[in-house]
Amino acid sequence: MRILLDTHVLLWWLNDDAALSGEFRAAIGDPRNGVWVSAISFAEISIKQSVDKLDAPFISDDLIAEQGMSQLPFGVAHARKVRELPLHHRDPFDRMLIAQAIEEDLLFATVDERASRYDVRRL
């Protein structure tokens, strides 16, 4: 499997949060699966930290690499895909992550039910 983590799933994984289901834990932890973290998640975390909406440690490149995960940059093709998406979801971070998952043909690991309104494969 090739998986793109939603930001909350990433944070739950890194914090070993009980909110993360066994299915997600198994998929993310399976070394046969490719797991990606988007640059969008880094931006979302940084913005929410800067306005005191999130209390979380800084997530570094090294930490992501130590977890066996890859970084996914946000590019022009992803931006085009965002423009094509219907406006089912108003959160710009989620829309960008969904666009990346669709464009890169990745399973989107999220518990956000609003993502099901899009033609995105979900974990």
N, C-alpha and C. Protein backbone atom coordinates (compact mmCIF):
# COMPACT_ATOMS: atom_id res chain seq x y z
N MET A 1 0.83 -1.19 0.00
CA MET A 1 0.00 0.00 0.00
C MET A 1 0.87 1.25 0.00
N ARG A 2 0.32 2.31 -0.57
CA ARG A 2 0.95 3.63 -0.57
C ARG A 2 -0.04 4.57 0.13
N ILE A 3 0.39 5.17 1.22
CA ILE A 3 -0.52 5.87 2.11
C ILE A 3 -0.06 7.31 2.35
N LEU A 4 -1.01 8.25 2.28
CA LEU A 4 -0.76 9.63 2.67
C LEU A 4 -1.50 9.88 3.98
N LEU A 5 -0.78 10.33 4.99
CA LEU A 5 -1.38 10.55 6.30
C LEU A 5 -2.04 11.92 6.38
N ASP A 6 -3.27 11.94 6.88
CA ASP A 6 -3.90 13.19 7.25
C ASP A 6 -3.14 13.72 8.47
N THR A 7 -3.19 15.01 8.68
CA THR A 7 -2.39 15.62 9.74
C THR A 7 -2.72 15.04 11.11
N HIS A 8 -4.01 14.87 11.40
CA HIS A 8 -4.35 14.34 12.72
C HIS A 8 -3.87 12.90 12.89
N VAL A 9 -3.88 12.13 11.83
CA VAL A 9 -3.40 10.74 11.89
C VAL A 9 -1.89 10.75 12.16
N LEU A 10 -1.16 11.64 11.51
CA LEU A 10 0.27 11.78 11.77
C LEU A 10 0.53 12.08 13.24
N LEU A 11 -0.19 13.07 13.77
CA LEU A 11 0.01 13.45 15.17
C LEU A 11 -0.35 12.31 16.12
N TRP A 12 -1.44 11.61 15.83
CA TRP A 12 -1.83 10.46 16.66
C TRP A 12 -0.74 9.39 16.62
N TRP A 13 -0.19 9.13 15.44
CA TRP A 13 0.86 8.12 15.31
C TRP A 13 2.09 8.51 16.14
N LEU A 14 2.52 9.75 15.96
CA LEU A 14 3.73 10.20 16.66
C LEU A 14 3.55 10.24 18.17
N ASN A 15 2.32 10.48 18.63
CA ASN A 15 2.04 10.55 20.06
C ASN A 15 1.53 9.24 20.63
N ASP A 16 1.48 8.19 19.80
CA ASP A 16 0.95 6.89 20.22
C ASP A 16 -0.42 7.07 20.88
N ASP A 17 -1.25 7.89 20.25
CA ASP A 17 -2.57 8.23 20.78
C ASP A 17 -3.54 7.07 20.61
N ALA A 18 -4.32 6.82 21.63
CA ALA A 18 -5.30 5.73 21.60
C ALA A 18 -6.39 5.96 20.56
N ALA A 19 -6.54 7.18 20.08
CA ALA A 19 -7.54 7.48 19.05
C ALA A 19 -7.21 6.80 17.72
N LEU A 20 -5.96 6.42 17.52
CA LEU A 20 -5.55 5.78 16.27
C LEU A 20 -5.94 4.31 16.30
N SER A 21 -6.75 3.91 15.35
CA SER A 21 -7.27 2.54 15.32
C SER A 21 -6.17 1.52 15.01
N GLY A 22 -6.47 0.28 15.35
CA GLY A 22 -5.54 -0.81 15.08
C GLY A 22 -5.27 -0.97 13.59
N GLU A 23 -6.30 -0.75 12.77
CA GLU A 23 -6.14 -0.85 11.31
C GLU A 23 -5.11 0.17 10.82
N PHE A 24 -5.23 1.40 11.31
CA PHE A 24 -4.29 2.44 10.90
C PHE A 24 -2.89 2.12 11.42
N ARG A 25 -2.80 1.68 12.68
CA ARG A 25 -1.50 1.35 13.26
C ARG A 25 -0.80 0.26 12.45
N ALA A 26 -1.56 -0.76 12.08
CA ALA A 26 -0.97 -1.87 11.32
C ALA A 26 -0.49 -1.40 9.95
N ALA A 27 -1.30 -0.60 9.26
CA ALA A 27 -0.93 -0.13 7.92
C ALA A 27 0.27 0.80 7.95
N ILE A 28 0.27 1.73 8.90
CA ILE A 28 1.37 2.70 8.99
C ILE A 28 2.66 2.01 9.44
N GLY A 29 2.54 1.06 10.34
CA GLY A 29 3.70 0.39 10.88
C GLY A 29 4.26 -0.73 10.03
N ASP A 30 3.54 -1.13 8.98
CA ASP A 30 3.98 -2.22 8.11
C ASP A 30 5.10 -1.71 7.19
N PRO A 31 6.30 -2.24 7.33
CA PRO A 31 7.42 -1.73 6.51
C PRO A 31 7.26 -1.99 5.01
N ARG A 32 6.32 -2.84 4.64
CA ARG A 32 6.07 -3.07 3.20
C ARG A 32 5.28 -1.93 2.57
N ASN A 33 4.65 -1.10 3.40
CA ASN A 33 3.85 0.01 2.91
C ASN A 33 4.69 1.28 2.82
N GLY A 34 4.42 2.05 1.79
CA GLY A 34 5.03 3.37 1.70
C GLY A 34 4.11 4.37 2.38
N VAL A 35 4.67 5.17 3.29
CA VAL A 35 3.87 6.14 4.03
C VAL A 35 4.45 7.53 3.77
N TRP A 36 3.57 8.45 3.36
CA TRP A 36 3.99 9.81 3.04
C TRP A 36 3.37 10.81 4.00
N VAL A 37 4.15 11.85 4.28
CA VAL A 37 3.69 13.01 5.04
C VAL A 37 3.83 14.21 4.12
N SER A 38 2.75 14.93 3.95
CA SER A 38 2.75 16.07 3.04
C SER A 38 3.37 17.32 3.66
N ALA A 39 3.97 18.13 2.82
CA ALA A 39 4.43 19.45 3.23
C ALA A 39 3.26 20.26 3.77
N ILE A 40 2.06 19.96 3.31
CA ILE A 40 0.86 20.64 3.79
C ILE A 40 0.65 20.37 5.28
N SER A 41 0.92 19.15 5.72
CA SER A 41 0.78 18.84 7.15
C SER A 41 1.79 19.63 7.98
N PHE A 42 3.01 19.75 7.48
CA PHE A 42 4.00 20.57 8.18
C PHE A 42 3.49 22.00 8.32
N ALA A 43 2.92 22.54 7.24
CA ALA A 43 2.41 23.91 7.26
C ALA A 43 1.22 24.04 8.21
N GLU A 44 0.31 23.08 8.15
CA GLU A 44 -0.87 23.12 9.02
C GLU A 44 -0.46 23.10 10.50
N ILE A 45 0.46 22.22 10.84
CA ILE A 45 0.93 22.14 12.23
C ILE A 45 1.59 23.45 12.64
N SER A 46 2.45 23.99 11.79
CA SER A 46 3.15 25.24 12.11
C SER A 46 2.19 26.40 12.30
N ILE A 47 1.21 26.51 11.42
CA ILE A 47 0.23 27.61 11.52
C ILE A 47 -0.59 27.48 12.79
N LYS A 48 -1.07 26.27 13.07
CA LYS A 48 -1.89 26.07 14.28
C LYS A 48 -1.06 26.29 15.55
N GLN A 49 0.22 25.94 15.52
CA GLN A 49 1.08 26.21 16.67
C GLN A 49 1.27 27.72 16.86
N SER A 50 1.43 28.44 15.76
CA SER A 50 1.71 29.88 15.85
C SER A 50 0.53 30.68 16.37
N VAL A 51 -0.68 30.16 16.26
CA VAL A 51 -1.86 30.86 16.77
C VAL A 51 -2.42 30.16 18.02
N ASP A 52 -1.59 29.32 18.64
CA ASP A 52 -1.93 28.62 19.88
C ASP A 52 -3.18 27.75 19.78
N LYS A 53 -3.38 27.13 18.62
CA LYS A 53 -4.48 26.18 18.46
C LYS A 53 -4.01 24.74 18.56
N LEU A 54 -2.70 24.55 18.67
CA LEU A 54 -2.15 23.20 18.74
C LEU A 54 -0.92 23.22 19.63
N ASP A 55 -0.93 22.34 20.60
CA ASP A 55 0.23 22.17 21.47
C ASP A 55 0.89 20.85 21.09
N ALA A 56 1.90 20.95 20.26
CA ALA A 56 2.60 19.75 19.78
C ALA A 56 4.05 20.13 19.55
N PRO A 57 4.94 19.17 19.70
CA PRO A 57 6.35 19.46 19.43
C PRO A 57 6.58 19.68 17.93
N PHE A 58 7.66 20.36 17.62
CA PHE A 58 8.03 20.56 16.21
C PHE A 58 8.32 19.20 15.57
N ILE A 59 7.81 19.00 14.40
CA ILE A 59 8.03 17.74 13.69
C ILE A 59 9.09 17.99 12.62
N SER A 60 10.24 17.41 12.82
CA SER A 60 11.38 17.65 11.94
C SER A 60 11.45 16.62 10.80
N ASP A 61 12.25 16.97 9.81
CA ASP A 61 12.53 16.04 8.71
C ASP A 61 13.11 14.74 9.25
N ASP A 62 14.01 14.89 10.22
CA ASP A 62 14.67 13.70 10.80
C ASP A 62 13.66 12.79 11.48
N LEU A 63 12.70 13.37 12.20
CA LEU A 63 11.69 12.57 12.88
C LEU A 63 10.87 11.77 11.88
N ILE A 64 10.49 12.40 10.79
CA ILE A 64 9.71 11.71 9.75
C ILE A 64 10.55 10.58 9.16
N ALA A 65 11.81 10.84 8.88
CA ALA A 65 12.69 9.80 8.33
C ALA A 65 12.88 8.66 9.31
N GLU A 66 13.03 8.98 10.60
CA GLU A 66 13.18 7.93 11.63
C GLU A 66 11.96 7.01 11.68
N GLN A 67 10.81 7.55 11.32
CA GLN A 67 9.57 6.77 11.31
C GLN A 67 9.44 5.93 10.04
N GLY A 68 10.40 6.07 9.12
CA GLY A 68 10.36 5.34 7.86
C GLY A 68 9.39 5.94 6.86
N MET A 69 9.05 7.21 7.06
CA MET A 69 8.09 7.90 6.20
C MET A 69 8.82 8.79 5.21
N SER A 70 8.13 9.11 4.12
CA SER A 70 8.68 9.99 3.09
C SER A 70 7.92 11.30 3.09
N GLN A 71 8.59 12.35 2.66
CA GLN A 71 7.93 13.65 2.53
C GLN A 71 7.37 13.81 1.13
N LEU A 72 6.19 14.43 1.06
CA LEU A 72 5.56 14.71 -0.22
C LEU A 72 5.44 16.22 -0.39
N PRO A 73 6.21 16.80 -1.32
CA PRO A 73 6.09 18.24 -1.56
C PRO A 73 4.74 18.55 -2.20
N PHE A 74 4.32 19.80 -2.09
CA PHE A 74 3.09 20.26 -2.74
C PHE A 74 3.48 21.01 -3.99
N GLY A 75 2.98 20.54 -5.13
CA GLY A 75 3.37 21.13 -6.41
C GLY A 75 2.20 21.68 -7.21
N VAL A 76 2.53 22.15 -8.39
CA VAL A 76 1.55 22.77 -9.28
C VAL A 76 0.44 21.80 -9.66
N ALA A 77 0.77 20.55 -9.94
CA ALA A 77 -0.26 19.56 -10.30
C ALA A 77 -1.25 19.38 -9.15
N HIS A 78 -0.75 19.44 -7.93
CA HIS A 78 -1.63 19.31 -6.76
C HIS A 78 -2.55 20.54 -6.66
N ALA A 79 -1.99 21.71 -6.92
CA ALA A 79 -2.79 22.94 -6.87
C ALA A 79 -3.89 22.92 -7.93
N ARG A 80 -3.57 22.41 -9.10
CA ARG A 80 -4.59 22.29 -10.16
C ARG A 80 -5.71 21.36 -9.70
N LYS A 81 -5.33 20.27 -9.07
CA LYS A 81 -6.33 19.30 -8.60
C LYS A 81 -7.23 19.92 -7.54
N VAL A 82 -6.68 20.76 -6.66
CA VAL A 82 -7.51 21.46 -5.66
C VAL A 82 -8.57 22.27 -6.37
N ARG A 83 -8.19 22.98 -7.42
CA ARG A 83 -9.14 23.81 -8.17
C ARG A 83 -10.27 22.98 -8.78
N GLU A 84 -9.97 21.73 -9.16
CA GLU A 84 -10.97 20.86 -9.78
C GLU A 84 -11.92 20.21 -8.77
N LEU A 85 -11.53 20.18 -7.50
CA LEU A 85 -12.36 19.50 -6.51
C LEU A 85 -13.65 20.27 -6.23
N PRO A 86 -14.76 19.54 -6.11
CA PRO A 86 -15.99 20.22 -5.67
C PRO A 86 -15.80 20.75 -4.25
N LEU A 87 -16.55 21.74 -3.89
CA LEU A 87 -16.39 22.38 -2.59
C LEU A 87 -17.23 21.66 -1.52
N HIS A 88 -16.89 20.40 -1.29
CA HIS A 88 -17.57 19.63 -0.25
C HIS A 88 -17.00 19.94 1.12
N HIS A 89 -15.81 20.45 1.13
CA HIS A 89 -15.05 20.63 2.37
C HIS A 89 -14.39 21.99 2.31
N ARG A 90 -14.56 22.78 3.35
CA ARG A 90 -14.04 24.15 3.32
C ARG A 90 -12.65 24.29 3.94
N ASP A 91 -12.14 23.26 4.60
CA ASP A 91 -10.82 23.34 5.20
C ASP A 91 -9.76 23.25 4.10
N PRO A 92 -8.99 24.32 3.88
CA PRO A 92 -8.03 24.31 2.76
C PRO A 92 -6.93 23.25 2.92
N PHE A 93 -6.52 22.96 4.16
CA PHE A 93 -5.49 21.95 4.36
C PHE A 93 -6.01 20.58 3.92
N ASP A 94 -7.21 20.26 4.34
CA ASP A 94 -7.78 18.95 3.97
C ASP A 94 -7.98 18.85 2.47
N ARG A 95 -8.43 19.92 1.85
CA ARG A 95 -8.63 19.91 0.39
C ARG A 95 -7.30 19.68 -0.34
N MET A 96 -6.23 20.30 0.15
CA MET A 96 -4.92 20.11 -0.49
C MET A 96 -4.42 18.68 -0.29
N LEU A 97 -4.62 18.12 0.90
CA LEU A 97 -4.21 16.73 1.14
C LEU A 97 -5.00 15.77 0.28
N ILE A 98 -6.30 16.00 0.16
CA ILE A 98 -7.14 15.14 -0.69
C ILE A 98 -6.67 15.23 -2.14
N ALA A 99 -6.37 16.44 -2.60
CA ALA A 99 -5.88 16.63 -3.97
C ALA A 99 -4.58 15.85 -4.18
N GLN A 100 -3.69 15.91 -3.22
CA GLN A 100 -2.44 15.16 -3.34
C GLN A 100 -2.69 13.66 -3.39
N ALA A 101 -3.54 13.17 -2.52
CA ALA A 101 -3.83 11.73 -2.51
C ALA A 101 -4.40 11.28 -3.85
N ILE A 102 -5.29 12.07 -4.42
CA ILE A 102 -5.87 11.73 -5.72
C ILE A 102 -4.80 11.78 -6.81
N GLU A 103 -4.07 12.88 -6.85
CA GLU A 103 -3.07 13.09 -7.91
C GLU A 103 -1.95 12.05 -7.86
N GLU A 104 -1.55 11.65 -6.66
CA GLU A 104 -0.44 10.69 -6.49
C GLU A 104 -0.92 9.25 -6.37
N ASP A 105 -2.22 9.03 -6.45
CA ASP A 105 -2.83 7.70 -6.31
C ASP A 105 -2.40 7.03 -5.00
N LEU A 106 -2.61 7.76 -3.90
CA LEU A 106 -2.29 7.27 -2.58
C LEU A 106 -3.58 7.04 -1.80
N LEU A 107 -3.56 6.06 -0.90
CA LEU A 107 -4.67 5.91 0.04
C LEU A 107 -4.57 7.06 1.03
N PHE A 108 -5.69 7.70 1.33
CA PHE A 108 -5.68 8.81 2.26
C PHE A 108 -6.10 8.27 3.62
N ALA A 109 -5.18 8.32 4.58
CA ALA A 109 -5.44 7.84 5.93
C ALA A 109 -6.05 8.96 6.74
N THR A 110 -7.36 8.93 6.89
CA THR A 110 -8.08 9.97 7.63
C THR A 110 -9.31 9.36 8.29
N VAL A 111 -9.76 9.98 9.36
CA VAL A 111 -11.03 9.59 9.97
C VAL A 111 -12.08 10.67 9.71
N ASP A 112 -11.72 11.67 8.94
CA ASP A 112 -12.64 12.75 8.59
C ASP A 112 -13.64 12.24 7.55
N GLU A 113 -14.87 12.08 7.97
CA GLU A 113 -15.90 11.55 7.08
C GLU A 113 -16.19 12.46 5.89
N ARG A 114 -15.88 13.75 6.01
CA ARG A 114 -16.11 14.66 4.88
C ARG A 114 -15.26 14.28 3.68
N ALA A 115 -14.15 13.61 3.91
CA ALA A 115 -13.29 13.18 2.80
C ALA A 115 -14.00 12.16 1.92
N SER A 116 -14.96 11.44 2.46
CA SER A 116 -15.68 10.43 1.67
C SER A 116 -16.54 11.04 0.57
N ARG A 117 -16.75 12.34 0.63
CA ARG A 117 -17.53 13.02 -0.42
C ARG A 117 -16.72 13.19 -1.70
N TYR A 118 -15.42 12.94 -1.61
CA TYR A 118 -14.53 13.08 -2.76
C TYR A 118 -14.20 11.73 -3.34
N ASP A 119 -13.74 11.74 -4.56
CA ASP A 119 -13.32 10.51 -5.23
C ASP A 119 -11.87 10.22 -4.87
N VAL A 120 -11.66 9.96 -3.57
CA VAL A 120 -10.33 9.66 -3.07
C VAL A 120 -10.39 8.29 -2.38
N ARG A 121 -9.39 7.49 -2.62
CA ARG A 121 -9.32 6.20 -1.94
C ARG A 121 -8.88 6.43 -0.52
N ARG A 122 -9.60 5.84 0.43
CA ARG A 122 -9.31 6.05 1.84
C ARG A 122 -8.91 4.75 2.52
N LEU A 123 -8.07 4.91 3.53
CA LEU A 123 -7.69 3.77 4.36
C LEU A 123 -8.78 3.55 5.38
